[in-house]
Amino acid sequence: MADCRQIPAQLADALRRQQELPANIAQYCEAVAAGPDDFDTGLYRACVRSQNDMRLRLLVEIADLKQKQNLCAALVATWTIDVPTASEYGGELEIEGWDADGYSLQARLTLVPGS
């Protein structure tokens, strides 16, 4: 369930983690692989792979959170509902979040007779 109130904090955290990644992966991994006796090529390659994997996972996470944030901005609100019937019902539907997998909304519906 996507809770729209939590997305800004999750996005800020992901952006912070992205900033903490080394700016120059090759230079960072050279320093990691430089042992006291000799340069470890296997360690260097593993480091580069790991850093690239982390960078890619964060980019995907950030893109997903931005998409959810945009959907929240468009969808989450309090909607006024008018139901014309014999006794005139009306009310509000307040959407708070959604389940992207099951396509269901987290919402509260309040109907009031004669509103």
C-alpha atoms as a PDB file:
ATOM      1  CA  MET A   1       0.000   0.000   0.000  1.00  0.00           C
ATOM      2  CA  ALA A   2       1.403   3.364  -0.979  1.00  0.00           C
ATOM      3  CA  ASP A   3       0.849   5.819   1.851  1.00  0.00           C
ATOM      4  CA  CYS A   4       1.167   9.252   0.293  1.00  0.00           C
ATOM      5  CA  ARG A   5       2.133  10.824   3.608  1.00  0.00           C
ATOM      6  CA  GLN A   6       5.288   8.686   3.784  1.00  0.00           C
ATOM      7  CA  ILE A   7       6.522   9.135   0.211  1.00  0.00           C
ATOM      8  CA  PRO A   8       8.264  12.542   0.670  1.00  0.00           C
ATOM      9  CA  ALA A   9      10.376  11.158   3.542  1.00  0.00           C
ATOM     10  CA  GLN A  10      11.165   7.973   1.582  1.00  0.00           C
ATOM     11  CA  LEU A  11      12.201  10.043  -1.440  1.00  0.00           C
ATOM     12  CA  ALA A  12      14.384  12.327   0.677  1.00  0.00           C
ATOM     13  CA  ASP A  13      16.074   9.264   2.196  1.00  0.00           C
ATOM     14  CA  ALA A  14      16.736   7.714  -1.223  1.00  0.00           C
ATOM     15  CA  LEU A  15      18.170  10.999  -2.532  1.00  0.00           C
ATOM     16  CA  ARG A  16      20.397  11.269   0.562  1.00  0.00           C
ATOM     17  CA  ARG A  17      21.673   7.707   0.013  1.00  0.00           C
ATOM     18  CA  GLN A  18      22.364   8.571  -3.636  1.00  0.00           C
ATOM     19  CA  GLN A  19      24.439  11.585  -2.566  1.00  0.00           C
ATOM     20  CA  GLU A  20      26.461   9.367  -0.212  1.00  0.00           C
ATOM     21  CA  LEU A  21      27.627   7.150  -3.082  1.00  0.00           C
ATOM     22  CA  PRO A  22      31.143   7.909  -4.298  1.00  0.00           C
ATOM     23  CA  ALA A  23      31.215  10.406  -7.161  1.00  0.00           C
ATOM     24  CA  ASN A  24      34.067   8.574  -8.912  1.00  0.00           C
ATOM     25  CA  ILE A  25      33.521   4.821  -8.674  1.00  0.00           C
ATOM     26  CA  ALA A  26      36.829   3.887 -10.310  1.00  0.00           C
ATOM     27  CA  GLN A  27      38.849   6.055  -7.947  1.00  0.00           C
ATOM     28  CA  TYR A  28      36.894   4.825  -4.909  1.00  0.00           C
ATOM     29  CA  CYS A  29      37.351   1.168  -5.862  1.00  0.00           C
ATOM     30  CA  GLU A  30      41.050   1.653  -6.601  1.00  0.00           C
ATOM     31  CA  ALA A  31      41.467   2.869  -3.026  1.00  0.00           C
ATOM     32  CA  VAL A  32      39.446  -0.100  -1.711  1.00  0.00           C
ATOM     33  CA  ALA A  33      41.459  -2.628  -3.754  1.00  0.00           C
ATOM     34  CA  ALA A  34      44.868  -1.144  -2.964  1.00  0.00           C
ATOM     35  CA  GLY A  35      46.132  -3.496  -0.286  1.00  0.00           C
ATOM     36  CA  PRO A  36      49.293  -3.037   1.763  1.00  0.00           C
ATOM     37  CA  ASP A  37      51.236  -5.400  -0.514  1.00  0.00           C
ATOM     38  CA  ASP A  38      49.563  -5.502  -3.914  1.00  0.00           C
ATOM     39  CA  PHE A  39      46.545  -4.296  -5.912  1.00  0.00           C
ATOM     40  CA  ASP A  40      43.706  -6.862  -5.815  1.00  0.00           C
ATOM     41  CA  THR A  41      42.067  -6.904  -9.261  1.00  0.00           C
ATOM     42  CA  GLY A  42      39.258  -9.237  -8.156  1.00  0.00           C
ATOM     43  CA  LEU A  43      38.373  -6.937  -5.270  1.00  0.00           C
ATOM     44  CA  TYR A  44      38.436  -3.936  -7.601  1.00  0.00           C
ATOM     45  CA  ARG A  45      36.030  -5.579 -10.070  1.00  0.00           C
ATOM     46  CA  ALA A  46      33.701  -6.699  -7.283  1.00  0.00           C
ATOM     47  CA  CYS A  47      33.728  -3.168  -5.857  1.00  0.00           C
ATOM     48  CA  VAL A  48      32.881  -1.589  -9.227  1.00  0.00           C
ATOM     49  CA  ARG A  49      30.049  -4.098  -9.773  1.00  0.00           C
ATOM     50  CA  SER A  50      28.695  -3.495  -6.292  1.00  0.00           C
ATOM     51  CA  GLN A  51      28.807   0.295  -6.618  1.00  0.00           C
ATOM     52  CA  ASN A  52      27.124   0.181 -10.044  1.00  0.00           C
ATOM     53  CA  ASP A  53      24.421  -2.151  -8.680  1.00  0.00           C
ATOM     54  CA  MET A  54      23.754   0.176  -5.734  1.00  0.00           C
ATOM     55  CA  ARG A  55      23.614   3.208  -8.033  1.00  0.00           C
ATOM     56  CA  LEU A  56      21.157   1.469 -10.393  1.00  0.00           C
ATOM     57  CA  ARG A  57      18.904   0.238  -7.548  1.00  0.00           C
ATOM     58  CA  LEU A  58      18.756   3.769  -6.125  1.00  0.00           C
ATOM     59  CA  LEU A  59      17.946   5.289  -9.515  1.00  0.00           C
ATOM     60  CA  VAL A  60      15.059   2.831  -9.933  1.00  0.00           C
ATOM     61  CA  GLU A  61      13.841   3.466  -6.374  1.00  0.00           C
ATOM     62  CA  ILE A  62      13.982   7.251  -6.864  1.00  0.00           C
ATOM     63  CA  ALA A  63      12.113   7.059 -10.185  1.00  0.00           C
ATOM     64  CA  ASP A  64       9.446   4.849  -8.587  1.00  0.00           C
ATOM     65  CA  LEU A  65       9.022   7.203  -5.625  1.00  0.00           C
ATOM     66  CA  LYS A  66       8.774  10.246  -7.912  1.00  0.00           C
ATOM     67  CA  GLN A  67       6.094   8.482  -9.955  1.00  0.00           C
ATOM     68  CA  LYS A  68       4.164   7.637  -6.780  1.00  0.00           C
ATOM     69  CA  GLN A  69       4.533  11.225  -5.573  1.00  0.00           C
ATOM     70  CA  ASN A  70       3.095  12.524  -8.857  1.00  0.00           C
ATOM     71  CA  LEU A  71       0.202  10.076  -8.635  1.00  0.00           C
ATOM     72  CA  CYS A  72      -0.445  11.175  -5.059  1.00  0.00           C
ATOM     73  CA  ALA A  73      -0.533  14.802  -6.146  1.00  0.00           C
ATOM     74  CA  ALA A  74      -3.109  13.975  -8.830  1.00  0.00           C
ATOM     75  CA  LEU A  75      -5.229  11.422  -6.981  1.00  0.00           C
ATOM     76  CA  VAL A  76      -5.109  11.995  -3.254  1.00  0.00           C
ATOM     77  CA  ALA A  77      -7.648  14.562  -2.191  1.00  0.00           C
ATOM     78  CA  THR A  78     -11.082  14.949  -0.748  1.00  0.00           C
ATOM     79  CA  TRP A  79     -13.643  14.483  -3.479  1.00  0.00           C
ATOM     80  CA  THR A  80     -17.221  15.735  -3.193  1.00  0.00           C
ATOM     81  CA  ILE A  81     -19.864  13.225  -4.202  1.00  0.00           C
ATOM     82  CA  ASP A  82     -23.455  14.049  -5.030  1.00  0.00           C
ATOM     83  CA  VAL A  83     -25.821  11.091  -5.289  1.00  0.00           C
ATOM     84  CA  PRO A  84     -29.171  12.155  -6.668  1.00  0.00           C
ATOM     85  CA  THR A  85     -31.784   9.780  -5.260  1.00  0.00           C
ATOM     86  CA  ALA A  86     -35.215  10.113  -3.803  1.00  0.00           C
ATOM     87  CA  SER A  87     -33.774  11.415  -0.532  1.00  0.00           C
ATOM     88  CA  GLU A  88     -30.695  13.270  -1.937  1.00  0.00           C
ATOM     89  CA  TYR A  89     -27.490  11.846  -0.483  1.00  0.00           C
ATOM     90  CA  GLY A  90     -24.101  13.458  -0.783  1.00  0.00           C
ATOM     91  CA  GLY A  91     -20.771  13.339   0.934  1.00  0.00           C
ATOM     92  CA  GLU A  92     -17.028  13.102   0.576  1.00  0.00           C
ATOM     93  CA  LEU A  93     -14.512  10.519  -0.517  1.00  0.00           C
ATOM     94  CA  GLU A  94     -11.078  11.096   0.974  1.00  0.00           C
ATOM     95  CA  ILE A  95      -8.355   9.122  -0.827  1.00  0.00           C
ATOM     96  CA  GLU A  96      -5.245   8.599   1.303  1.00  0.00           C
ATOM     97  CA  GLY A  97      -3.259   6.012  -0.645  1.00  0.00           C
ATOM     98  CA  TRP A  98      -3.476   3.064  -3.008  1.00  0.00           C
ATOM     99  CA  ASP A  99      -2.278  -0.465  -3.585  1.00  0.00           C
ATOM    100  CA  ALA A 100      -0.492  -0.436  -6.949  1.00  0.00           C
ATOM    101  CA  ASP A 101      -0.442  -4.249  -7.118  1.00  0.00           C
ATOM    102  CA  GLY A 102      -4.109  -4.821  -6.400  1.00  0.00           C
ATOM    103  CA  TYR A 103      -5.372  -1.501  -7.757  1.00  0.00           C
ATOM    104  CA  SER A 104      -7.359  -0.756  -4.624  1.00  0.00           C
ATOM    105  CA  LEU A 105      -7.686   2.582  -2.860  1.00  0.00           C
ATOM    106  CA  GLN A 106      -7.172   3.415   0.781  1.00  0.00           C
ATOM    107  CA  ALA A 107     -10.032   5.811   1.308  1.00  0.00           C
ATOM    108  CA  ARG A 108     -12.772   6.974   3.621  1.00  0.00           C
ATOM    109  CA  LEU A 109     -16.293   7.565   2.296  1.00  0.00           C
ATOM    110  CA  THR A 110     -18.695   9.718   4.269  1.00  0.00           C
ATOM    111  CA  LEU A 111     -22.267   9.924   3.009  1.00  0.00           C
ATOM    112  CA  VAL A 112     -24.648  12.331   4.634  1.00  0.00           C
ATOM    113  CA  PRO A 113     -28.389  12.424   3.854  1.00  0.00           C
ATOM    114  CA  GLY A 114     -29.500  15.766   2.495  1.00  0.00           C
ATOM    115  CA  SER A 115     -26.059  17.298   2.057  1.00  0.00           C
END
